[in-house]
């Protein structure tokens, strides 16, 4: 099978940009999850892994390298795993693939992927830094983070927030607070609150 794997980072994104791809695929997988979540822990990623293990996949197409992941180590690990199983990987927006037309390994594939992976990882760090700086400036100018005083947030609404849903999934998988913080980019206080409310709801 020729499979297209698409990913957006949050539930509010629709992935409409992928509609411009008029390629022919036997199956299209779509994940709404942060690129920091390891590929094999995503729902679509798990399905792809299963199909590969069954020997049903010959080619996997990513719109761009960042759709595979934002973490360089995990991205390279995923691509190496696919390559070891003879799967041709295509990065559609760049027109490059891990194999040449005659089925041989593309000699410059690893160099390009490693370089781009480093750039995407740096981009993610820059986004985090800009967000952090923006919050600090806001606070210095008298801003206050959090809900206004005197307001309450519905428990169900809180747990249904995209980031908190992700925290719940990782807690159920048994990940430590430090691991969840790296994946979701949240405070230990938030994780504690999510865990407490999960036990109350259940």
N, C-alpha and C. Protein backbone atom coordinates (compact mmCIF):
# COMPACT_ATOMS: atom_id res chain seq x y z
N UNK A 1 0.83 -1.21 0.00
CA UNK A 1 0.00 0.00 0.00
C UNK A 1 0.87 1.26 0.00
N UNK A 2 0.33 2.29 -0.59
CA UNK A 2 0.96 3.62 -0.55
C UNK A 2 0.13 4.44 0.44
N UNK A 3 0.75 4.85 1.55
CA UNK A 3 0.02 5.52 2.63
C UNK A 3 0.47 6.96 2.80
N UNK A 4 -0.50 7.85 3.00
CA UNK A 4 -0.20 9.26 3.30
C UNK A 4 -0.46 9.46 4.79
N UNK A 5 0.53 10.02 5.49
CA UNK A 5 0.36 10.31 6.91
C UNK A 5 0.29 11.82 7.10
N UNK A 6 -0.82 12.31 7.65
CA UNK A 6 -1.00 13.73 7.93
C UNK A 6 -1.11 13.96 9.43
N UNK A 7 -0.67 15.13 9.88
CA UNK A 7 -0.76 15.46 11.31
C UNK A 7 -0.94 16.96 11.48
N UNK A 8 -1.82 17.34 12.42
CA UNK A 8 -1.92 18.72 12.88
C UNK A 8 -1.67 18.70 14.38
N UNK A 9 -1.28 19.85 14.93
CA UNK A 9 -0.84 19.88 16.32
C UNK A 9 -1.95 19.98 17.34
N UNK A 10 -3.13 20.47 16.95
CA UNK A 10 -4.19 20.65 17.93
C UNK A 10 -5.55 20.31 17.35
N UNK A 11 -6.50 20.10 18.24
CA UNK A 11 -7.86 19.73 17.85
C UNK A 11 -8.54 20.85 17.05
N UNK A 12 -8.13 22.10 17.29
CA UNK A 12 -8.78 23.23 16.61
C UNK A 12 -8.32 23.36 15.16
N UNK A 13 -7.22 22.69 14.78
CA UNK A 13 -6.77 22.74 13.40
C UNK A 13 -7.51 21.70 12.58
N UNK A 14 -7.84 22.06 11.35
CA UNK A 14 -8.66 21.17 10.52
C UNK A 14 -7.85 20.35 9.52
N UNK A 15 -6.65 20.81 9.19
CA UNK A 15 -5.86 20.08 8.21
C UNK A 15 -6.32 20.34 6.79
N UNK A 16 -7.00 21.47 6.54
CA UNK A 16 -7.50 21.76 5.19
C UNK A 16 -6.39 21.87 4.15
N UNK A 17 -5.20 22.24 4.59
CA UNK A 17 -4.10 22.40 3.63
C UNK A 17 -3.78 21.09 2.93
N UNK A 18 -4.08 19.97 3.55
CA UNK A 18 -3.78 18.69 2.95
C UNK A 18 -4.69 18.39 1.76
N UNK A 19 -5.78 19.13 1.65
CA UNK A 19 -6.71 18.90 0.54
C UNK A 19 -6.09 19.27 -0.80
N UNK A 20 -4.99 20.04 -0.76
CA UNK A 20 -4.31 20.43 -2.00
C UNK A 20 -3.51 19.28 -2.59
N UNK A 21 -3.31 18.23 -1.81
CA UNK A 21 -2.57 17.07 -2.27
C UNK A 21 -3.50 16.17 -3.08
N UNK A 22 -3.25 16.10 -4.39
CA UNK A 22 -4.11 15.29 -5.25
C UNK A 22 -3.48 13.93 -5.58
N UNK A 23 -2.53 13.51 -4.73
CA UNK A 23 -1.87 12.22 -4.95
C UNK A 23 -2.83 11.06 -4.73
N UNK A 24 -2.50 9.92 -5.28
CA UNK A 24 -3.34 8.71 -5.15
C UNK A 24 -2.77 7.83 -4.04
N UNK A 25 -3.58 7.59 -3.02
CA UNK A 25 -3.13 6.78 -1.89
C UNK A 25 -4.12 5.66 -1.61
N UNK A 26 -3.58 4.55 -1.12
CA UNK A 26 -4.45 3.44 -0.74
C UNK A 26 -5.10 3.70 0.61
N UNK A 27 -4.44 4.54 1.43
CA UNK A 27 -4.97 4.85 2.75
C UNK A 27 -4.35 6.15 3.24
N UNK A 28 -5.14 6.98 3.92
CA UNK A 28 -4.64 8.23 4.51
C UNK A 28 -4.88 8.18 6.01
N UNK A 29 -3.82 8.38 6.78
CA UNK A 29 -3.91 8.40 8.24
C UNK A 29 -3.79 9.84 8.71
N UNK A 30 -4.55 10.19 9.75
CA UNK A 30 -4.59 11.59 10.21
C UNK A 30 -4.56 11.64 11.74
N UNK A 31 -3.56 12.33 12.28
CA UNK A 31 -3.45 12.50 13.73
C UNK A 31 -3.60 13.97 14.11
N UNK A 32 -4.32 14.21 15.22
CA UNK A 32 -4.37 15.54 15.81
C UNK A 32 -3.62 15.45 17.13
N UNK A 33 -2.33 15.70 17.07
CA UNK A 33 -1.47 15.51 18.24
C UNK A 33 -0.19 16.32 18.07
N UNK A 34 0.40 16.72 19.17
CA UNK A 34 1.66 17.46 19.14
C UNK A 34 2.75 16.63 18.49
N UNK A 35 3.62 17.30 17.74
CA UNK A 35 4.75 16.61 17.12
C UNK A 35 5.76 16.12 18.13
N UNK A 36 5.62 16.55 19.38
CA UNK A 36 6.54 16.10 20.44
C UNK A 36 6.18 14.71 20.93
N UNK A 37 4.93 14.28 20.67
CA UNK A 37 4.51 12.94 21.07
C UNK A 37 5.20 11.93 20.15
N UNK A 38 5.90 10.94 20.70
CA UNK A 38 6.59 9.95 19.87
C UNK A 38 5.66 9.36 18.81
N UNK A 39 6.19 9.16 17.62
CA UNK A 39 5.39 8.70 16.48
C UNK A 39 4.60 7.43 16.79
N UNK A 40 5.26 6.47 17.42
CA UNK A 40 4.62 5.18 17.68
C UNK A 40 3.61 5.21 18.81
N UNK A 41 3.45 6.37 19.47
CA UNK A 41 2.45 6.51 20.53
C UNK A 41 1.20 7.24 20.04
N UNK A 42 1.21 7.69 18.78
CA UNK A 42 0.03 8.35 18.21
C UNK A 42 -0.91 7.30 17.64
N UNK A 43 -2.19 7.63 17.58
CA UNK A 43 -3.17 6.68 17.07
C UNK A 43 -2.88 6.29 15.62
N UNK A 44 -2.68 7.31 14.79
CA UNK A 44 -2.37 7.04 13.38
C UNK A 44 -1.03 6.36 13.23
N UNK A 45 -0.07 6.76 14.08
CA UNK A 45 1.25 6.15 14.05
C UNK A 45 1.20 4.67 14.39
N UNK A 46 0.39 4.33 15.39
CA UNK A 46 0.24 2.93 15.80
C UNK A 46 -0.35 2.10 14.65
N UNK A 47 -1.34 2.69 13.96
CA UNK A 47 -1.97 1.96 12.85
C UNK A 47 -0.97 1.73 11.73
N UNK A 48 -0.15 2.75 11.45
CA UNK A 48 0.86 2.62 10.41
C UNK A 48 1.87 1.53 10.77
N UNK A 49 2.32 1.53 12.02
CA UNK A 49 3.27 0.52 12.49
C UNK A 49 2.70 -0.88 12.30
N UNK A 50 1.43 -1.05 12.65
CA UNK A 50 0.78 -2.35 12.52
C UNK A 50 0.74 -2.80 11.06
N UNK A 51 0.42 -1.88 10.15
CA UNK A 51 0.34 -2.21 8.73
C UNK A 51 1.72 -2.58 8.19
N UNK A 52 2.74 -1.86 8.66
CA UNK A 52 4.11 -2.14 8.22
C UNK A 52 4.53 -3.53 8.70
N UNK A 53 4.23 -3.81 9.97
CA UNK A 53 4.60 -5.11 10.54
C UNK A 53 3.91 -6.26 9.81
N UNK A 54 2.74 -5.98 9.25
CA UNK A 54 2.00 -7.01 8.50
C UNK A 54 2.49 -7.13 7.06
N UNK A 55 3.45 -6.26 6.71
CA UNK A 55 4.02 -6.31 5.36
C UNK A 55 3.12 -5.74 4.29
N UNK A 56 2.21 -4.83 4.67
CA UNK A 56 1.24 -4.30 3.72
C UNK A 56 1.60 -2.92 3.15
N UNK A 57 2.75 -2.38 3.56
CA UNK A 57 3.11 -1.02 3.15
C UNK A 57 4.38 -1.02 2.30
N UNK A 58 4.33 -0.31 1.16
CA UNK A 58 5.53 -0.18 0.34
C UNK A 58 6.07 1.26 0.34
N UNK A 59 5.16 2.24 0.63
CA UNK A 59 5.60 3.63 0.61
C UNK A 59 4.77 4.48 1.59
N UNK A 60 5.46 5.39 2.31
CA UNK A 60 4.80 6.30 3.23
C UNK A 60 5.13 7.73 2.80
N UNK A 61 4.11 8.56 2.69
CA UNK A 61 4.29 9.95 2.25
C UNK A 61 3.95 10.91 3.39
N UNK A 62 4.89 11.80 3.70
CA UNK A 62 4.66 12.89 4.66
C UNK A 62 4.59 14.19 3.88
N UNK A 63 3.67 15.08 4.26
CA UNK A 63 3.56 16.37 3.58
C UNK A 63 4.86 17.14 3.72
N UNK A 64 5.40 17.17 4.95
CA UNK A 64 6.71 17.75 5.21
C UNK A 64 7.31 17.00 6.40
N UNK A 65 8.60 17.15 6.61
CA UNK A 65 9.28 16.36 7.62
C UNK A 65 8.74 16.60 9.02
N UNK A 66 8.28 17.83 9.31
CA UNK A 66 7.78 18.15 10.65
C UNK A 66 6.51 17.38 10.99
N UNK A 67 5.80 16.84 9.96
CA UNK A 67 4.60 16.05 10.24
C UNK A 67 4.97 14.69 10.85
N UNK A 68 6.18 14.26 10.58
CA UNK A 68 6.66 13.02 11.20
C UNK A 68 6.96 13.28 12.67
N UNK A 69 7.55 14.44 12.96
CA UNK A 69 7.82 14.78 14.36
C UNK A 69 8.63 16.05 14.50
N UNK A 70 8.58 16.62 15.71
CA UNK A 70 9.35 17.82 16.02
C UNK A 70 10.60 17.49 16.84
N UNK A 71 10.68 16.23 17.25
CA UNK A 71 11.83 15.79 18.02
C UNK A 71 12.78 15.06 17.08
N UNK A 72 14.01 15.57 16.95
CA UNK A 72 14.95 15.03 15.97
C UNK A 72 15.23 13.55 16.20
N UNK A 73 15.46 13.18 17.45
CA UNK A 73 15.79 11.79 17.77
C UNK A 73 14.67 10.84 17.36
N UNK A 74 13.42 11.19 17.73
CA UNK A 74 12.29 10.32 17.41
C UNK A 74 12.03 10.28 15.91
N UNK A 75 12.19 11.44 15.24
CA UNK A 75 11.98 11.50 13.79
C UNK A 75 12.95 10.59 13.06
N UNK A 76 14.24 10.70 13.40
CA UNK A 76 15.26 9.88 12.75
C UNK A 76 15.04 8.40 13.07
N UNK A 77 14.64 8.12 14.31
CA UNK A 77 14.38 6.74 14.72
C UNK A 77 13.24 6.15 13.89
N UNK A 78 12.17 6.94 13.70
CA UNK A 78 11.01 6.49 12.91
C UNK A 78 11.39 6.23 11.46
N UNK A 79 12.15 7.17 10.88
CA UNK A 79 12.55 7.03 9.48
C UNK A 79 13.50 5.85 9.28
N UNK A 80 14.41 5.65 10.25
CA UNK A 80 15.33 4.51 10.16
C UNK A 80 14.55 3.19 10.27
N UNK A 81 13.55 3.19 11.15
CA UNK A 81 12.71 2.00 11.34
C UNK A 81 12.00 1.64 10.04
N UNK A 82 11.46 2.64 9.36
CA UNK A 82 10.78 2.41 8.08
C UNK A 82 11.77 1.92 7.02
N UNK A 83 12.95 2.55 7.01
CA UNK A 83 13.97 2.19 6.03
C UNK A 83 14.44 0.75 6.23
N UNK A 84 14.61 0.35 7.49
CA UNK A 84 15.06 -1.02 7.79
C UNK A 84 14.07 -2.07 7.29
N UNK A 85 12.82 -1.66 7.11
CA UNK A 85 11.79 -2.58 6.64
C UNK A 85 11.51 -2.43 5.16
N UNK A 86 12.40 -1.71 4.49
CA UNK A 86 12.29 -1.59 3.03
C UNK A 86 11.22 -0.64 2.54
N UNK A 87 10.72 0.24 3.44
CA UNK A 87 9.67 1.19 3.06
C UNK A 87 10.28 2.44 2.44
N UNK A 88 9.77 2.84 1.30
CA UNK A 88 10.21 4.10 0.70
C UNK A 88 9.47 5.24 1.37
N UNK A 89 10.20 6.27 1.85
CA UNK A 89 9.59 7.42 2.52
C UNK A 89 9.72 8.63 1.62
N UNK A 90 8.60 9.33 1.42
CA UNK A 90 8.58 10.52 0.56
C UNK A 90 8.22 11.75 1.38
N UNK A 91 8.99 12.83 1.21
CA UNK A 91 8.65 14.13 1.80
C UNK A 91 8.08 14.96 0.66
N UNK A 92 6.76 15.05 0.60
CA UNK A 92 6.08 15.56 -0.59
C UNK A 92 6.42 17.01 -0.94
N UNK A 93 6.49 17.89 0.07
CA UNK A 93 6.70 19.31 -0.25
C UNK A 93 8.10 19.60 -0.78
N UNK A 94 9.01 18.65 -0.61
CA UNK A 94 10.38 18.83 -1.11
C UNK A 94 10.68 17.95 -2.31
N UNK A 95 9.79 17.00 -2.57
CA UNK A 95 10.01 16.11 -3.70
C UNK A 95 11.20 15.18 -3.52
N UNK A 96 11.48 14.79 -2.28
CA UNK A 96 12.61 13.87 -2.04
C UNK A 96 12.09 12.57 -1.44
N UNK A 97 12.83 11.50 -1.65
CA UNK A 97 12.45 10.20 -1.10
C UNK A 97 13.69 9.44 -0.65
N UNK A 98 13.48 8.45 0.20
CA UNK A 98 14.59 7.68 0.76
C UNK A 98 15.20 6.72 -0.25
N UNK A 99 14.46 6.47 -1.35
CA UNK A 99 14.97 5.58 -2.39
C UNK A 99 14.98 6.28 -3.74
N UNK A 100 15.88 5.86 -4.60
CA UNK A 100 15.94 6.38 -5.96
C UNK A 100 14.90 5.63 -6.80
N UNK A 101 14.58 6.13 -8.01
CA UNK A 101 13.57 5.46 -8.85
C UNK A 101 13.86 3.98 -9.12
N UNK A 102 15.14 3.58 -9.09
CA UNK A 102 15.45 2.17 -9.34
C UNK A 102 15.46 1.33 -8.07
N UNK A 103 14.98 1.93 -6.94
CA UNK A 103 14.83 1.17 -5.70
C UNK A 103 16.04 1.15 -4.79
N UNK A 104 17.10 1.86 -5.16
CA UNK A 104 18.30 1.90 -4.32
C UNK A 104 18.19 3.02 -3.30
N UNK A 105 18.99 2.95 -2.24
CA UNK A 105 18.96 3.99 -1.20
C UNK A 105 19.46 5.32 -1.77
N UNK A 106 18.74 6.38 -1.46
CA UNK A 106 19.13 7.72 -1.89
C UNK A 106 20.33 8.16 -1.04
N UNK A 107 21.49 8.40 -1.64
CA UNK A 107 22.71 8.72 -0.87
C UNK A 107 22.64 10.01 -0.06
N UNK A 108 21.82 10.97 -0.47
CA UNK A 108 21.78 12.24 0.27
C UNK A 108 20.58 12.32 1.23
N UNK A 109 19.78 11.27 1.27
CA UNK A 109 18.56 11.26 2.10
C UNK A 109 18.87 11.55 3.56
N UNK A 110 19.80 10.81 4.15
CA UNK A 110 20.08 10.94 5.57
C UNK A 110 20.60 12.33 5.91
N UNK A 111 21.44 12.89 5.05
CA UNK A 111 21.99 14.23 5.29
C UNK A 111 20.88 15.27 5.31
N UNK A 112 19.99 15.21 4.32
CA UNK A 112 18.89 16.18 4.23
C UNK A 112 17.95 16.05 5.43
N UNK A 113 17.59 14.82 5.77
CA UNK A 113 16.65 14.59 6.87
C UNK A 113 17.23 15.07 8.20
N UNK A 114 18.51 14.77 8.45
CA UNK A 114 19.15 15.18 9.70
C UNK A 114 19.20 16.69 9.81
N UNK A 115 19.54 17.35 8.71
CA UNK A 115 19.63 18.82 8.70
C UNK A 115 18.27 19.46 8.94
N UNK A 116 17.26 18.99 8.21
CA UNK A 116 15.91 19.55 8.36
C UNK A 116 15.34 19.24 9.74
N UNK A 117 15.61 18.06 10.25
CA UNK A 117 15.12 17.69 11.58
C UNK A 117 15.67 18.63 12.64
N UNK A 118 16.95 18.99 12.52
CA UNK A 118 17.58 19.91 13.47
C UNK A 118 16.93 21.29 13.39
N UNK A 119 16.62 21.71 12.16
CA UNK A 119 15.99 23.02 11.96
C UNK A 119 14.60 23.06 12.59
N UNK A 120 13.81 22.00 12.37
CA UNK A 120 12.45 21.95 12.93
C UNK A 120 12.49 21.93 14.46
N UNK A 121 13.46 21.21 15.02
CA UNK A 121 13.59 21.14 16.47
C UNK A 121 13.96 22.52 17.03
N UNK A 122 14.86 23.23 16.33
CA UNK A 122 15.25 24.57 16.75
C UNK A 122 14.07 25.52 16.64
N UNK A 123 13.27 25.36 15.58
CA UNK A 123 12.08 26.20 15.39
C UNK A 123 11.12 26.04 16.56
N UNK A 124 10.93 24.79 17.01
CA UNK A 124 10.03 24.52 18.12
C UNK A 124 10.53 25.19 19.39
N UNK A 125 11.84 25.12 19.64
CA UNK A 125 12.42 25.77 20.81
C UNK A 125 12.24 27.28 20.75
N UNK A 126 12.38 27.85 19.54
CA UNK A 126 12.19 29.30 19.38
C UNK A 126 10.75 29.70 19.66
N UNK A 127 9.79 28.86 19.25
CA UNK A 127 8.38 29.15 19.51
C UNK A 127 8.13 29.16 21.01
N UNK A 128 8.69 28.17 21.71
CA UNK A 128 8.53 28.11 23.17
C UNK A 128 9.11 29.35 23.84
N UNK A 129 10.30 29.76 23.36
CA UNK A 129 10.97 30.92 23.96
C UNK A 129 10.16 32.19 23.73
N UNK A 130 9.60 32.34 22.53
CA UNK A 130 8.79 33.52 22.23
C UNK A 130 7.54 33.57 23.11
N UNK A 131 6.91 32.41 23.30
CA UNK A 131 5.72 32.34 24.15
C UNK A 131 6.06 32.70 25.59
N UNK A 132 7.18 32.16 26.06
CA UNK A 132 7.61 32.43 27.43
C UNK A 132 7.91 33.92 27.62
N UNK A 133 8.61 34.51 26.64
CA UNK A 133 8.95 35.94 26.71
C UNK A 133 7.68 36.79 26.69
N UNK A 134 6.72 36.38 25.83
CA UNK A 134 5.45 37.12 25.76
C UNK A 134 4.71 37.11 27.08
N UNK A 135 4.72 35.96 27.77
CA UNK A 135 4.06 35.88 29.08
C UNK A 135 4.75 36.77 30.10
N UNK A 136 6.09 36.78 30.08
CA UNK A 136 6.85 37.60 31.02
C UNK A 136 6.58 39.09 30.81
N UNK A 137 6.54 39.51 29.55
CA UNK A 137 6.26 40.92 29.24
C UNK A 137 4.86 41.29 29.69
N UNK A 138 3.91 40.38 29.46
CA UNK A 138 2.52 40.60 29.86
C UNK A 138 2.42 40.79 31.38
N UNK A 139 3.13 39.96 32.13
CA UNK A 139 3.10 40.05 33.60
C UNK A 139 3.78 41.33 34.09
N UNK A 140 4.89 41.71 33.44
CA UNK A 140 5.60 42.94 33.82
C UNK A 140 4.75 44.18 33.59
N UNK A 141 3.85 44.09 32.62
CA UNK A 141 2.95 45.22 32.31
C UNK A 141 1.66 45.17 33.11
N UNK A 142 1.64 44.32 34.14
CA UNK A 142 0.48 44.28 35.02
C UNK A 142 -0.55 43.22 34.69
N UNK A 143 -0.27 42.41 33.71
CA UNK A 143 -1.22 41.37 33.33
C UNK A 143 -1.26 40.26 34.37
N UNK A 144 -2.37 39.54 34.38
CA UNK A 144 -2.55 38.44 35.34
C UNK A 144 -2.94 37.19 34.56
N UNK A 145 -2.20 36.12 34.80
CA UNK A 145 -2.51 34.85 34.13
C UNK A 145 -3.58 34.09 34.90
N UNK A 146 -4.30 33.23 34.20
CA UNK A 146 -5.32 32.44 34.87
C UNK A 146 -6.70 33.05 34.74
N UNK A 147 -7.67 32.42 35.35
CA UNK A 147 -9.05 32.91 35.28
C UNK A 147 -9.24 34.11 36.18
N UNK A 148 -10.17 34.99 35.83
CA UNK A 148 -10.48 36.14 36.69
C UNK A 148 -10.96 35.67 38.06
N UNK A 149 -10.67 36.45 39.09
CA UNK A 149 -11.10 36.09 40.44
C UNK A 149 -12.62 35.98 40.51
N UNK A 150 -13.07 34.98 41.27
CA UNK A 150 -14.51 34.81 41.46
C UNK A 150 -15.16 33.91 40.42
N UNK A 151 -14.36 33.45 39.44
CA UNK A 151 -14.95 32.57 38.42
C UNK A 151 -14.55 31.13 38.71
N UNK A 152 -15.35 30.19 38.24
CA UNK A 152 -15.06 28.78 38.42
C UNK A 152 -15.10 28.09 37.06
N UNK A 153 -14.32 27.06 36.95
CA UNK A 153 -14.28 26.33 35.69
C UNK A 153 -14.89 24.95 35.88
N UNK A 154 -15.78 24.62 34.99
CA UNK A 154 -16.42 23.32 35.03
C UNK A 154 -15.37 22.22 34.88
N UNK A 155 -15.46 21.17 35.74
CA UNK A 155 -14.48 20.08 35.73
C UNK A 155 -14.41 19.41 34.37
N UNK A 156 -15.57 19.10 33.80
CA UNK A 156 -15.62 18.41 32.51
C UNK A 156 -14.97 19.26 31.43
N UNK A 157 -15.26 20.57 31.45
CA UNK A 157 -14.68 21.47 30.45
C UNK A 157 -13.17 21.53 30.60
N UNK A 158 -12.69 21.52 31.84
CA UNK A 158 -11.25 21.57 32.09
C UNK A 158 -10.57 20.30 31.56
N UNK A 159 -11.16 19.15 31.86
CA UNK A 159 -10.55 17.89 31.43
C UNK A 159 -10.65 17.68 29.92
N UNK A 160 -11.60 18.35 29.28
CA UNK A 160 -11.77 18.19 27.84
C UNK A 160 -10.88 19.12 27.01
N UNK A 161 -10.12 19.97 27.68
CA UNK A 161 -9.19 20.83 26.95
C UNK A 161 -8.16 19.94 26.26
N UNK A 162 -7.78 20.27 25.01
CA UNK A 162 -6.85 19.43 24.24
C UNK A 162 -5.58 19.04 25.02
N UNK A 163 -4.95 20.02 25.66
CA UNK A 163 -3.71 19.73 26.39
C UNK A 163 -3.97 18.80 27.57
N UNK A 164 -5.08 19.01 28.26
CA UNK A 164 -5.40 18.19 29.42
C UNK A 164 -5.82 16.77 29.02
N UNK A 165 -6.43 16.64 27.85
CA UNK A 165 -6.77 15.31 27.34
C UNK A 165 -5.49 14.53 27.04
N UNK A 166 -4.50 15.24 26.53
CA UNK A 166 -3.22 14.61 26.23
C UNK A 166 -2.53 14.16 27.52
N UNK A 167 -2.63 15.01 28.56
CA UNK A 167 -2.04 14.67 29.87
C UNK A 167 -2.69 13.41 30.42
N UNK A 168 -4.02 13.32 30.29
CA UNK A 168 -4.75 12.15 30.79
C UNK A 168 -4.27 10.87 30.11
N UNK A 169 -4.10 10.93 28.79
CA UNK A 169 -3.65 9.76 28.04
C UNK A 169 -2.27 9.31 28.53
N UNK A 170 -1.38 10.28 28.75
CA UNK A 170 -0.02 9.96 29.16
C UNK A 170 0.02 9.44 30.60
N UNK A 171 -0.87 9.96 31.45
CA UNK A 171 -0.96 9.47 32.83
C UNK A 171 -1.41 8.01 32.83
N UNK A 172 -2.38 7.70 31.97
CA UNK A 172 -2.90 6.32 31.89
C UNK A 172 -1.84 5.36 31.37
N UNK A 173 -0.90 5.90 30.58
CA UNK A 173 0.18 5.05 30.08
C UNK A 173 1.29 4.86 31.11
N UNK A 174 1.16 5.58 32.24
CA UNK A 174 2.13 5.41 33.32
C UNK A 174 3.38 6.27 33.21
N UNK A 175 3.35 7.34 32.39
CA UNK A 175 4.51 8.20 32.25
C UNK A 175 4.71 9.04 33.50
N UNK A 176 5.96 9.34 33.82
CA UNK A 176 6.28 10.18 34.97
C UNK A 176 5.98 11.64 34.65
N UNK A 177 5.85 12.45 35.73
CA UNK A 177 5.55 13.88 35.55
C UNK A 177 6.58 14.54 34.63
N UNK A 178 7.85 14.24 34.87
CA UNK A 178 8.93 14.88 34.08
C UNK A 178 8.80 14.54 32.60
N UNK A 179 8.37 13.30 32.30
CA UNK A 179 8.20 12.88 30.90
C UNK A 179 7.01 13.59 30.27
N UNK A 180 5.92 13.70 31.05
CA UNK A 180 4.71 14.37 30.54
C UNK A 180 5.00 15.85 30.28
N UNK A 181 5.76 16.49 31.17
CA UNK A 181 6.10 17.91 31.01
C UNK A 181 6.85 18.16 29.71
N UNK A 182 7.73 17.24 29.34
CA UNK A 182 8.50 17.39 28.11
C UNK A 182 7.60 17.24 26.88
N UNK A 183 6.67 16.31 26.95
CA UNK A 183 5.80 16.04 25.80
C UNK A 183 4.74 17.13 25.61
N UNK A 184 4.10 17.51 26.72
CA UNK A 184 2.96 18.42 26.64
C UNK A 184 3.35 19.88 26.87
N UNK A 185 4.53 20.12 27.46
CA UNK A 185 4.98 21.48 27.78
C UNK A 185 4.02 22.14 28.77
N UNK A 186 3.92 21.55 29.96
CA UNK A 186 3.02 22.05 30.99
C UNK A 186 3.72 21.99 32.34
N UNK A 187 3.10 22.54 33.37
CA UNK A 187 3.68 22.53 34.71
C UNK A 187 3.25 21.27 35.47
N UNK A 188 4.02 20.92 36.50
CA UNK A 188 3.67 19.75 37.32
C UNK A 188 2.36 20.02 38.07
N UNK A 189 2.09 21.31 38.34
CA UNK A 189 0.85 21.69 39.02
C UNK A 189 -0.37 21.33 38.19
N UNK A 190 -0.27 21.56 36.87
CA UNK A 190 -1.37 21.22 35.96
C UNK A 190 -1.59 19.71 35.93
N UNK A 191 -0.49 18.95 35.87
CA UNK A 191 -0.60 17.49 35.84
C UNK A 191 -1.27 16.98 37.11
N UNK A 192 -0.86 17.55 38.26
CA UNK A 192 -1.44 17.16 39.54
C UNK A 192 -2.94 17.42 39.57
N UNK A 193 -3.34 18.59 39.04
CA UNK A 193 -4.76 18.95 39.02
C UNK A 193 -5.55 18.00 38.12
N UNK A 194 -4.97 17.69 36.96
CA UNK A 194 -5.64 16.77 36.02
C UNK A 194 -5.80 15.40 36.67
N UNK A 195 -4.75 14.93 37.32
CA UNK A 195 -4.80 13.62 37.96
C UNK A 195 -5.85 13.57 39.07
N UNK A 196 -5.91 14.65 39.86
CA UNK A 196 -6.88 14.74 40.97
C UNK A 196 -8.31 14.72 40.43
N UNK A 197 -8.57 15.52 39.40
CA UNK A 197 -9.92 15.60 38.84
C UNK A 197 -10.31 14.30 38.13
N UNK A 198 -9.33 13.61 37.53
CA UNK A 198 -9.61 12.33 36.89
C UNK A 198 -10.14 11.32 37.92
N UNK A 199 -9.50 11.31 39.09
CA UNK A 199 -9.91 10.36 40.13
C UNK A 199 -11.29 10.73 40.68
N UNK A 200 -11.60 12.04 40.74
CA UNK A 200 -12.90 12.47 41.23
C UNK A 200 -14.02 12.11 40.25
N UNK A 201 -13.72 12.26 38.96
CA UNK A 201 -14.73 11.97 37.94
C UNK A 201 -14.99 10.48 37.84
N UNK A 202 -13.90 9.70 37.99
CA UNK A 202 -14.03 8.24 37.91
C UNK A 202 -14.50 7.65 39.24
